[in-house]
Amino acid sequence: MQDATYWAEQLALGKISFSELTAQIEANLQQIDPTLNALVSFDRQAAIQQFEQNPQAKTALFGGQPIPLKILGQSKAGWPTTSAAALFANAKAEETSSFVNGLEQLGLIPLGQTNAPEFGFKNVTDPVLYGPTRNPWQPAYSAGGSSGGAAAVVAAGLFPMAAASDGGGSIRIPASFNGLIGLKPTRGAMPVGPQEWRSWQGASINFALTLSMRDTESLFYGLRTSQPAAPYQAPRIEWKHHGPSQNRTLRVAYTTDSPVGSPVSQTAVSAVKKAVVFLEDQGHQVTEIPYPVDGQRMMSSYYRMNGGETAAMFVEIEALLKRPVEQKDMELMTWGLYQYGKKLAAADYIHALQHWDQLAVTMETLFADYDLFLTPTTAQTAPLIEEDLQSDPIRRELQAIEGQTMSAAEELIYLMFDKSLALTPYTQLANLTGQPAISLPTAISEEGLPLGIQFMASKGREDVLFQVGELFEQAGQFHLPKKQSKIDFLGGTR
């Protein structure tokens, strides 16, 4: 499949028109999306109108390339803004987010919105409002989450790039499950606002899922910003393209240990070991280390943030609705986080954030000795759509969580996420520390499902991630998606 840069060039050269491009996307969607359930809205005529009325779109970096937005947190004025929640099934955005404005300034034209779990709380995409999104590699499996719809449309060849966001791995997890490149930038590097400025206290950040390192780099450097009003600012350690640093020797620490002690598949272990051999063969220094932080304590602090943010969100929702919300208004997982958040003391929340700061100190100390930290992206390949990531006893307890003590509720929330965390224990650290991380599509399981490896770097050092990503890409180490449909993107038979 060709990347977004290629198709932007074809548009610029007049080898295909925007109308032809979007017509073919629509035709492919009609064939493929009924199986995948990856898009939740699509308006080709609105995209054509925007393209025709915006001369800059024709000459900018990605001049005229269509891109789907995530239904969660990437608002465009007049478009649905449901957060994949039935409570907001008919909601429309009043203004366009700064991130979407940034995409449009690069010549990208929003075309449709992709599926996500309700409020983004899951690492699989199966909201009650829209239903589950399936994996283009094997539709019996999940596309992951929370940017599952975004990953599915790229892996299926419907779009070469899709906007996504990452609050605990929500770009990197579906990148791993779908054989894509998934970058989570440094906290503070991407445009925020005009309403939401500190999403999940900076843990959540917008970017995209891509097929090439050149798309990843171009998009990152095109969007990277420093907003004076923003509460988080990315370090300006590297504000130019990396250039000569491509040739320098990298110092890489690695581990396959799960930070929470959960099982790690042979596919994941082998993926890292193969990467280690490759890096050493290329002359880089690689050292095995234990996992550098206490993963269970880290996750407890993460869930405290989730609970507190959910409680604060519903205070605003109740004011908007002019009534209290009830359990029937939301999915059970959301209800559990909401009730847990109501029980948290302010001191509990502050202590969680202080722990994040200590995690950042630990990792920046590690990055004084190493350029990169390598792990699997996910411990397992994608789960089956039908796999139950909770249990009936946990669901019964969640229904009665209002009557539990804070400590009992905290334990229940950890158990609520236990099975899903075992699938994806490696991604949350970078969200809490604010450091950048990238998932690279280097492995395929015996069952024919993809799995990625993850590199983390010091804050502001995306250039090092790009260096290692290009190294793997240029050596043919990537296992990108094959054409999943009977017709290629933009026509032609397999």
Protein backbone atom coordinates (compact mmCIF):
# COMPACT_ATOMS: atom_id res chain seq x y z
CA MET A 1 0.00 0.00 0.00
CA GLN A 2 1.20 3.52 -0.78
CA ASP A 3 1.54 6.12 1.96
CA ALA A 4 -0.04 9.55 2.33
CA THR A 5 2.99 11.37 0.91
CA TYR A 6 2.66 9.35 -2.30
CA TRP A 7 -1.01 10.21 -2.76
CA ALA A 8 -0.43 13.87 -1.96
CA GLU A 9 2.18 13.86 -4.73
CA GLN A 10 -0.27 12.24 -7.16
CA LEU A 11 -2.80 14.96 -6.36
CA ALA A 12 -0.20 17.68 -6.83
CA LEU A 13 0.86 16.25 -10.19
CA GLY A 14 -2.74 16.04 -11.36
CA LYS A 15 -2.54 12.27 -11.83
CA ILE A 16 -5.72 11.92 -9.79
CA SER A 17 -8.31 14.46 -8.74
CA PHE A 18 -9.65 14.92 -5.22
CA SER A 19 -13.10 13.90 -6.49
CA GLU A 20 -11.70 10.68 -7.99
CA LEU A 21 -9.71 9.93 -4.88
CA THR A 22 -12.66 10.31 -2.54
CA ALA A 23 -14.98 8.41 -4.90
CA GLN A 24 -12.64 5.42 -4.78
CA ILE A 25 -12.38 5.64 -1.01
CA GLU A 26 -16.17 5.64 -0.79
CA ALA A 27 -16.44 2.64 -3.12
CA ASN A 28 -13.90 0.69 -1.07
CA LEU A 29 -15.67 1.62 2.15
CA GLN A 30 -18.97 0.33 0.87
CA GLN A 31 -17.33 -2.99 0.16
CA ILE A 32 -15.12 -3.38 3.22
CA ASP A 33 -16.52 -1.40 6.15
CA PRO A 34 -19.68 -3.47 6.65
CA THR A 35 -17.30 -6.20 7.84
CA LEU A 36 -14.83 -4.01 9.73
CA ASN A 37 -17.24 -1.45 11.26
CA ALA A 38 -14.38 1.05 11.45
CA LEU A 39 -16.10 4.29 10.35
CA VAL A 40 -19.01 5.87 12.20
CA SER A 41 -19.56 8.85 9.88
CA PHE A 42 -18.65 9.73 6.29
CA ASP A 43 -19.49 12.79 4.17
CA ARG A 44 -17.70 12.91 0.84
CA GLN A 45 -19.50 16.00 -0.44
CA ALA A 46 -18.50 18.04 2.62
CA ALA A 47 -14.87 17.04 2.04
CA ILE A 48 -15.03 18.02 -1.63
CA GLN A 49 -16.53 21.38 -0.69
CA GLN A 50 -13.79 22.01 1.88
CA PHE A 51 -11.08 21.08 -0.62
CA GLU A 52 -12.48 23.37 -3.30
CA GLN A 53 -12.88 26.29 -0.90
CA ASN A 54 -9.40 25.99 0.62
CA PRO A 55 -6.63 26.85 -1.87
CA GLN A 56 -3.99 26.15 0.78
CA ALA A 57 -5.07 22.51 0.87
CA LYS A 58 -3.79 22.07 -2.67
CA THR A 59 -0.27 23.31 -1.99
CA ALA A 60 0.41 22.34 1.63
CA LEU A 61 2.56 19.43 2.83
CA PHE A 62 -0.12 16.75 2.45
CA GLY A 63 -2.02 18.79 -0.16
CA GLY A 64 -5.54 17.40 -0.38
CA GLN A 65 -4.96 14.01 1.27
CA PRO A 66 -8.21 12.81 2.94
CA ILE A 67 -7.90 11.76 6.58
CA PRO A 68 -10.49 10.33 8.99
CA LEU A 69 -10.75 11.85 12.47
CA LYS A 70 -11.25 9.86 15.66
CA ILE A 71 -14.79 10.23 17.06
CA LEU A 72 -13.21 10.88 20.47
CA GLY A 73 -11.58 14.24 21.21
CA GLN A 74 -10.93 15.39 17.63
CA SER A 75 -13.79 17.80 17.05
CA LYS A 76 -14.74 19.55 13.84
CA ALA A 77 -17.45 22.20 13.94
CA GLY A 78 -20.82 20.78 12.95
CA TRP A 79 -19.64 17.16 12.99
CA PRO A 80 -20.82 14.47 15.45
CA THR A 81 -19.00 14.61 18.78
CA THR A 82 -20.31 11.53 20.56
CA SER A 83 -17.14 10.22 22.30
CA ALA A 84 -18.67 6.85 21.25
CA ALA A 85 -21.16 7.26 24.11
CA ALA A 86 -24.90 6.67 23.72
CA LEU A 87 -25.45 9.61 26.07
CA PHE A 88 -24.19 11.90 23.27
CA ALA A 89 -25.51 10.00 20.26
CA ASN A 90 -26.89 13.19 18.67
CA ALA A 91 -24.28 15.71 19.85
CA LYS A 92 -22.58 18.05 17.36
CA ALA A 93 -19.31 19.95 17.85
CA GLU A 94 -19.57 23.71 18.21
CA GLU A 95 -15.96 24.39 17.22
CA THR A 96 -12.96 22.76 15.62
CA SER A 97 -10.13 21.60 17.87
CA SER A 98 -6.65 23.03 17.54
CA PHE A 99 -5.32 19.62 16.55
CA VAL A 100 -7.80 19.29 13.67
CA ASN A 101 -6.97 22.85 12.62
CA GLY A 102 -3.33 21.76 12.56
CA LEU A 103 -4.15 18.82 10.28
CA GLU A 104 -6.04 21.10 7.91
CA GLN A 105 -3.17 23.60 7.79
CA LEU A 106 -1.00 20.76 6.48
CA GLY A 107 -3.46 20.21 3.62
CA LEU A 108 -5.19 17.17 5.14
CA ILE A 109 -8.94 17.10 4.50
CA PRO A 110 -11.11 15.46 7.20
CA LEU A 111 -13.25 12.74 5.66
CA GLY A 112 -15.28 10.67 8.10
CA GLN A 113 -14.81 9.63 11.72
CA THR A 114 -13.48 6.38 13.13
CA ASN A 115 -14.86 4.13 15.85
CA ALA A 116 -13.55 4.10 19.45
CA PRO A 117 -14.62 2.62 22.80
CA GLU A 118 -16.89 4.74 25.00
CA PHE A 119 -14.79 7.69 26.29
CA GLY A 120 -11.64 5.80 25.27
CA PHE A 121 -11.32 3.66 28.39
CA LYS A 122 -10.58 0.32 26.67
CA ASN A 123 -7.76 -1.22 24.66
CA VAL A 124 -10.38 -2.77 22.38
CA THR A 125 -13.03 -0.96 20.35
CA ASP A 126 -16.52 -2.27 21.08
CA PRO A 127 -18.82 0.59 22.14
CA VAL A 128 -22.49 -0.17 22.69
CA LEU A 129 -23.31 2.84 20.51
CA TYR A 130 -21.50 1.62 17.38
CA GLY A 131 -20.54 -2.00 17.93
CA PRO A 132 -17.11 -3.67 17.63
CA THR A 133 -14.41 -2.86 15.09
CA ARG A 134 -12.77 -5.90 13.51
CA ASN A 135 -9.15 -6.49 12.55
CA PRO A 136 -8.50 -6.38 8.77
CA TRP A 137 -5.86 -9.10 9.08
CA GLN A 138 -8.40 -11.55 10.52
CA PRO A 139 -11.93 -10.21 11.21
CA ALA A 140 -12.53 -12.64 14.06
CA TYR A 141 -10.06 -10.56 16.06
CA SER A 142 -10.27 -7.06 17.54
CA ALA A 143 -8.61 -4.04 15.96
CA GLY A 144 -7.65 -2.92 19.48
CA GLY A 145 -8.29 0.46 21.02
CA SER A 146 -8.92 3.05 21.71
CA SER A 147 -7.94 4.15 18.18
CA GLY A 148 -9.22 0.85 16.80
CA GLY A 149 -11.31 2.32 14.01
CA ALA A 150 -8.38 4.47 12.90
CA ALA A 151 -6.05 1.46 12.77
CA ALA A 152 -8.57 -0.67 10.89
CA VAL A 153 -9.11 1.83 8.05
CA VAL A 154 -5.36 2.14 7.50
CA ALA A 155 -4.63 -1.59 7.78
CA ALA A 156 -7.46 -2.30 5.32
CA GLY A 157 -6.02 0.12 2.77
CA LEU A 158 -8.98 2.48 2.95
CA PHE A 159 -6.86 5.48 4.03
CA PRO A 160 -3.05 5.71 4.12
CA MET A 161 -3.15 7.70 7.37
CA ALA A 162 -5.72 8.18 10.14
CA ALA A 163 -5.85 10.65 13.01
CA ALA A 164 -5.65 8.94 16.41
CA SER A 165 -4.94 9.65 20.06
CA ASP A 166 -3.07 7.92 22.86
CA GLY A 167 -3.85 8.15 26.59
CA GLY A 168 -2.43 4.80 27.70
CA GLY A 169 -1.33 3.18 24.47
CA SER A 170 -4.32 3.98 22.28
CA ILE A 171 -2.16 4.64 19.20
CA ARG A 172 0.55 2.07 19.87
CA ILE A 173 -1.75 -0.82 20.88
CA PRO A 174 -3.80 -0.81 17.65
CA ALA A 175 -0.56 -0.18 15.72
CA SER A 176 0.80 -3.42 17.21
CA PHE A 177 -2.42 -5.34 16.59
CA ASN A 178 -2.75 -4.11 12.97
CA GLY A 179 0.83 -3.97 11.73
CA LEU A 180 1.17 -0.17 11.57
CA ILE A 181 3.54 2.58 12.74
CA GLY A 182 2.24 4.29 15.86
CA LEU A 183 3.97 7.29 17.43
CA LYS A 184 2.98 8.83 20.77
CA PRO A 185 4.74 12.20 20.79
CA THR A 186 6.28 13.98 23.76
CA ARG A 187 3.75 15.57 26.12
CA GLY A 188 3.18 19.16 25.03
CA ALA A 189 4.41 18.69 21.45
CA MET A 190 1.02 18.55 19.70
CA PRO A 191 -1.63 21.31 19.41
CA VAL A 192 -4.22 21.38 22.24
CA GLY A 193 -7.31 23.48 22.94
CA PRO A 194 -9.31 25.60 22.45
CA GLN A 195 -11.35 23.87 25.18
CA GLU A 196 -9.40 20.88 26.45
CA TRP A 197 -5.87 21.82 27.46
CA ARG A 198 -4.66 19.07 29.82
CA SER A 199 -6.34 15.90 28.59
CA TRP A 200 -5.94 13.26 31.31
CA GLN A 201 -3.35 15.57 32.93
CA GLY A 202 -1.24 15.44 29.79
CA ALA A 203 -1.28 11.64 29.53
CA SER A 204 -3.45 11.76 26.41
CA ILE A 205 -2.09 13.24 23.18
CA ASN A 206 -3.23 13.37 19.55
CA PHE A 207 -1.31 12.10 16.54
CA ALA A 208 -1.93 9.47 13.84
CA LEU A 209 -1.44 5.91 12.60
CA THR A 210 0.72 5.61 9.50
CA LEU A 211 2.32 3.28 6.95
CA SER A 212 5.74 4.90 6.57
CA MET A 213 8.40 6.64 8.59
CA ARG A 214 8.40 9.57 6.17
CA ASP A 215 4.69 10.16 6.81
CA THR A 216 5.28 9.86 10.55
CA GLU A 217 8.15 12.33 10.52
CA SER A 218 6.51 14.82 8.16
CA LEU A 219 3.31 14.86 10.18
CA PHE A 220 5.17 15.23 13.46
CA TYR A 221 7.36 18.09 12.32
CA GLY A 222 4.40 19.73 10.59
CA LEU A 223 2.25 19.64 13.72
CA ARG A 224 4.87 20.15 16.43
CA THR A 225 4.20 23.35 18.29
CA SER A 226 4.80 25.36 21.44
CA GLN A 227 1.62 27.10 22.60
CA PRO A 228 2.20 29.79 25.24
CA ALA A 229 -1.15 29.07 26.94
CA ALA A 230 -0.63 25.29 27.08
CA PRO A 231 0.09 23.83 30.55
CA TYR A 232 2.68 21.39 29.15
CA GLN A 233 5.65 22.34 26.98
CA ALA A 234 7.84 19.83 25.18
CA PRO A 235 11.59 20.32 25.71
CA ARG A 236 13.21 22.03 22.73
CA ILE A 237 16.14 19.63 22.72
CA GLU A 238 15.78 18.84 19.03
CA TRP A 239 13.83 21.31 16.88
CA LYS A 240 15.30 20.42 13.51
CA HIS A 241 15.37 17.26 11.45
CA HIS A 242 17.92 14.78 12.72
CA GLY A 243 20.13 14.64 9.60
CA PRO A 244 23.66 13.43 10.46
CA SER A 245 22.51 11.74 13.68
CA GLN A 246 21.35 8.89 11.43
CA ASN A 247 24.95 7.63 11.45
CA ARG A 248 25.62 7.66 15.17
CA THR A 249 25.77 4.57 17.35
CA LEU A 250 22.73 4.07 19.55
CA ARG A 251 22.78 2.80 23.13
CA VAL A 252 19.68 0.65 23.65
CA ALA A 253 18.34 -0.88 26.87
CA TYR A 254 15.78 -3.64 26.51
CA THR A 255 13.60 -6.04 28.44
CA THR A 256 10.82 -8.50 27.76
CA ASP A 257 9.70 -8.57 31.41
CA SER A 258 6.07 -7.60 31.91
CA PRO A 259 5.89 -4.62 34.27
CA VAL A 260 2.90 -6.21 36.04
CA GLY A 261 4.15 -9.80 36.05
CA SER A 262 1.67 -11.05 33.45
CA PRO A 263 2.54 -13.67 30.79
CA VAL A 264 4.36 -12.49 27.68
CA SER A 265 3.80 -14.41 24.46
CA GLN A 266 6.61 -16.10 22.57
CA THR A 267 5.78 -13.86 19.61
CA ALA A 268 6.48 -10.77 21.72
CA VAL A 269 9.67 -12.16 23.24
CA SER A 270 10.96 -13.30 19.85
CA ALA A 271 10.16 -9.92 18.30
CA VAL A 272 12.38 -8.13 20.82
CA LYS A 273 15.18 -10.69 20.61
CA LYS A 274 15.16 -10.46 16.83
CA ALA A 275 15.34 -6.68 17.09
CA VAL A 276 18.28 -6.97 19.50
CA VAL A 277 20.22 -9.13 17.06
CA PHE A 278 19.42 -6.73 14.22
CA LEU A 279 20.57 -3.70 16.19
CA GLU A 280 23.80 -5.41 17.26
CA ASP A 281 24.48 -6.46 13.67
CA GLN A 282 24.12 -2.79 12.70
CA GLY A 283 26.78 -1.83 15.24
CA HIS A 284 24.56 -0.49 18.03
CA GLN A 285 25.10 -1.19 21.73
CA VAL A 286 22.29 -3.22 23.32
CA THR A 287 21.97 -4.08 27.02
CA GLU A 288 19.31 -6.17 28.79
CA ILE A 289 17.89 -4.62 31.97
CA PRO A 290 15.03 -5.43 34.39
CA TYR A 291 11.86 -3.42 33.90
CA PRO A 292 12.84 -0.05 35.45
CA VAL A 293 9.70 0.79 37.45
CA ASP A 294 7.11 -0.87 39.69
CA GLY A 295 4.38 -1.59 37.14
CA GLN A 296 1.58 -2.35 39.58
CA ARG A 297 2.09 0.87 41.49
CA MET A 298 2.33 2.72 38.18
CA MET A 299 -0.99 1.28 37.03
CA SER A 300 -2.69 2.08 40.33
CA SER A 301 -1.70 5.72 39.88
CA TYR A 302 -2.98 5.61 36.31
CA TYR A 303 -6.37 4.27 37.39
CA ARG A 304 -6.60 6.98 40.06
CA MET A 305 -6.19 9.56 37.32
CA ASN A 306 -8.81 7.76 35.20
CA GLY A 307 -11.25 7.76 38.10
CA GLY A 308 -10.70 11.40 39.05
CA GLU A 309 -10.92 12.61 35.45
CA THR A 310 -14.10 10.60 34.87
CA ALA A 311 -15.74 12.04 37.98
CA ALA A 312 -14.82 15.58 36.91
CA MET A 313 -16.15 14.90 33.40
CA PHE A 314 -19.52 13.82 34.72
CA VAL A 315 -19.81 16.89 36.92
CA GLU A 316 -19.71 18.90 33.68
CA ILE A 317 -22.06 16.48 31.91
CA GLU A 318 -24.63 16.71 34.69
CA ALA A 319 -24.51 20.50 34.50
CA LEU A 320 -25.05 20.26 30.74
CA LEU A 321 -27.93 17.79 31.05
CA LYS A 322 -29.39 19.56 34.09
CA ARG A 323 -29.91 16.21 35.82
CA PRO A 324 -27.86 13.56 37.62
CA VAL A 325 -26.47 10.77 35.45
CA GLU A 326 -27.45 7.18 36.20
CA GLN A 327 -25.93 3.78 35.58
CA LYS A 328 -28.21 3.26 32.58
CA ASP A 329 -26.66 6.36 30.92
CA MET A 330 -23.31 4.69 30.32
CA GLU A 331 -21.47 1.42 29.93
CA LEU A 332 -20.63 -0.46 33.12
CA MET A 333 -16.88 0.18 32.92
CA THR A 334 -17.51 3.89 32.67
CA TRP A 335 -19.89 3.72 35.62
CA GLY A 336 -17.28 1.92 37.69
CA LEU A 337 -14.62 4.54 36.97
CA TYR A 338 -17.10 7.33 37.70
CA GLN A 339 -18.11 5.92 41.08
CA TYR A 340 -14.50 5.15 41.99
CA GLY A 341 -13.52 8.71 41.08
CA LYS A 342 -16.22 10.14 43.34
CA LYS A 343 -14.68 8.28 46.27
CA LEU A 344 -11.14 9.55 45.67
CA ALA A 345 -9.80 12.27 47.95
CA ALA A 346 -7.94 15.21 46.44
CA ALA A 347 -4.82 14.00 48.23
CA ASP A 348 -5.10 10.59 46.50
CA TYR A 349 -5.23 12.29 43.13
CA ILE A 350 -2.27 14.56 43.88
CA HIS A 351 -0.19 11.63 45.14
CA ALA A 352 -0.88 9.78 41.88
CA LEU A 353 0.41 12.70 39.83
CA GLN A 354 3.44 13.04 42.09
CA HIS A 355 4.20 9.39 41.40
CA TRP A 356 4.13 10.17 37.67
CA ASP A 357 6.79 12.80 38.27
CA GLN A 358 8.98 10.25 40.02
CA LEU A 359 8.50 7.82 37.13
CA ALA A 360 9.68 10.56 34.77
CA VAL A 361 12.78 11.12 36.92
CA THR A 362 13.53 7.39 36.85
CA MET A 363 13.21 7.20 33.08
CA GLU A 364 15.17 10.38 32.37
CA THR A 365 17.93 8.98 34.59
CA LEU A 366 17.85 5.82 32.46
CA PHE A 367 18.04 7.94 29.30
CA ALA A 368 21.19 9.57 30.58
CA ASP A 369 22.84 6.18 30.00
CA TYR A 370 20.80 4.94 27.04
CA ASP A 371 19.27 6.55 23.95
CA LEU A 372 16.36 4.14 23.73
CA PHE A 373 14.37 1.67 25.83
CA LEU A 374 13.05 -1.33 23.87
CA THR A 375 10.15 -3.64 24.87
CA PRO A 376 7.35 -5.43 23.06
CA THR A 377 4.53 -2.99 22.27
CA THR A 378 1.96 -5.52 23.42
CA ALA A 379 2.44 -8.78 25.32
CA GLN A 380 0.02 -10.61 23.05
CA THR A 381 -1.45 -10.30 19.58
CA ALA A 382 -5.00 -9.01 19.15
CA PRO A 383 -7.70 -10.76 21.20
CA LEU A 384 -10.72 -12.38 19.62
CA ILE A 385 -13.77 -10.16 19.26
CA GLU A 386 -15.71 -12.59 21.43
CA GLU A 387 -13.09 -12.74 24.20
CA ASP A 388 -14.51 -11.58 27.52
CA LEU A 389 -12.00 -9.23 29.12
CA GLN A 390 -13.98 -9.04 32.36
CA SER A 391 -16.17 -11.60 34.16
CA ASP A 392 -19.68 -11.92 35.53
CA PRO A 393 -18.53 -11.59 39.18
CA ILE A 394 -16.69 -8.35 38.37
CA ARG A 395 -19.71 -7.01 36.50
CA ARG A 396 -21.93 -7.76 39.50
CA GLU A 397 -19.53 -5.93 41.80
CA LEU A 398 -19.39 -2.95 39.43
CA GLN A 399 -23.17 -2.68 39.57
CA ALA A 400 -22.91 -2.33 43.34
CA ILE A 401 -19.76 -0.18 43.46
CA GLU A 402 -21.62 2.82 44.95
CA GLY A 403 -21.84 1.02 48.29
CA GLN A 404 -18.17 0.03 48.46
CA THR A 405 -15.38 1.73 50.36
CA MET A 406 -12.73 3.63 48.46
CA SER A 407 -10.12 0.90 48.98
CA ALA A 408 -12.54 -1.83 47.85
CA ALA A 409 -13.50 0.22 44.79
CA GLU A 410 -9.82 0.75 43.97
CA GLU A 411 -9.17 -2.98 44.11
CA LEU A 412 -12.23 -3.63 41.94
CA ILE A 413 -11.07 -1.17 39.27
CA TYR A 414 -7.68 -2.90 39.10
CA LEU A 415 -9.46 -6.24 38.68
CA MET A 416 -11.80 -4.73 36.08
CA PHE A 417 -8.80 -3.97 33.87
CA ASP A 418 -6.76 -7.05 34.82
CA LYS A 419 -7.34 -9.17 31.69
CA SER A 420 -6.97 -6.29 29.28
CA LEU A 421 -3.85 -5.03 31.06
CA ALA A 422 -2.26 -8.47 30.65
CA LEU A 423 -2.54 -7.98 26.88
CA THR A 424 -1.00 -4.52 26.87
CA PRO A 425 1.18 -3.76 29.95
CA TYR A 426 4.00 -1.89 28.18
CA THR A 427 2.44 1.27 26.76
CA GLN A 428 1.16 3.22 29.78
CA LEU A 429 4.58 4.25 31.11
CA ALA A 430 5.27 6.75 28.32
CA ASN A 431 1.89 8.41 28.85
CA LEU A 432 2.57 8.95 32.54
CA THR A 433 6.14 10.20 32.09
CA GLY A 434 5.36 12.30 29.01
CA GLN A 435 8.18 10.72 27.03
CA PRO A 436 7.77 9.80 23.35
CA ALA A 437 7.33 6.19 22.23
CA ILE A 438 6.83 4.46 18.91
CA SER A 439 5.49 1.06 17.89
CA LEU A 440 7.14 -0.51 14.84
CA PRO A 441 5.49 -3.41 12.92
CA THR A 442 8.24 -6.02 12.97
CA ALA A 443 6.61 -9.32 13.93
CA ILE A 444 3.96 -11.80 12.77
CA SER A 445 2.65 -14.66 14.95
CA GLU A 446 2.22 -18.25 13.83
CA GLU A 447 -1.49 -17.46 13.54
CA GLY A 448 -0.73 -14.70 11.04
CA LEU A 449 -1.41 -11.75 13.35
CA PRO A 450 0.96 -8.77 13.67
CA LEU A 451 2.71 -7.55 16.79
CA GLY A 452 4.96 -4.52 17.26
CA ILE A 453 8.07 -3.60 19.19
CA GLN A 454 8.16 -0.35 21.17
CA PHE A 455 10.98 2.14 21.59
CA MET A 456 10.85 4.92 24.21
CA ALA A 457 13.16 7.94 24.26
CA SER A 458 13.88 10.97 26.42
CA LYS A 459 11.44 13.88 26.25
CA GLY A 460 11.82 15.83 23.04
CA ARG A 461 13.90 13.13 21.32
CA GLU A 462 11.51 11.95 18.63
CA ASP A 463 14.51 12.29 16.30
CA VAL A 464 16.08 9.21 17.92
CA LEU A 465 12.84 7.28 17.48
CA PHE A 466 12.79 8.29 13.82
CA GLN A 467 16.40 7.19 13.42
CA VAL A 468 15.71 3.70 14.73
CA GLY A 469 12.41 3.46 12.84
CA GLU A 470 14.10 4.32 9.56
CA LEU A 471 16.83 1.79 10.32
CA PHE A 472 14.27 -1.01 10.59
CA GLU A 473 12.21 0.27 7.66
CA GLN A 474 15.11 0.61 5.25
CA ALA A 475 16.36 -2.87 6.14
CA GLY A 476 12.99 -4.38 5.23
CA GLN A 477 12.16 -5.32 8.82
CA PHE A 478 8.57 -4.04 8.72
CA HIS A 479 5.58 -6.36 8.25
CA LEU A 480 3.01 -3.89 6.98
CA PRO A 481 -0.55 -4.92 6.04
CA LYS A 482 -1.19 -6.61 2.72
CA LYS A 483 -4.18 -5.57 0.66
CA GLN A 484 -7.09 -6.83 2.73
CA SER A 485 -9.81 -6.19 0.15
CA LYS A 486 -10.49 -7.64 -3.28
CA ILE A 487 -9.56 -4.26 -4.74
CA ASP A 488 -6.47 -2.24 -3.95
CA PHE A 489 -6.68 1.25 -2.50
CA LEU A 490 -7.60 3.41 -5.49
CA GLY A 491 -8.57 0.48 -7.65
CA GLY A 492 -6.92 -2.47 -9.37
CA THR A 493 -7.08 -6.18 -8.57
CA ARG A 494 -4.80 -8.03 -6.25
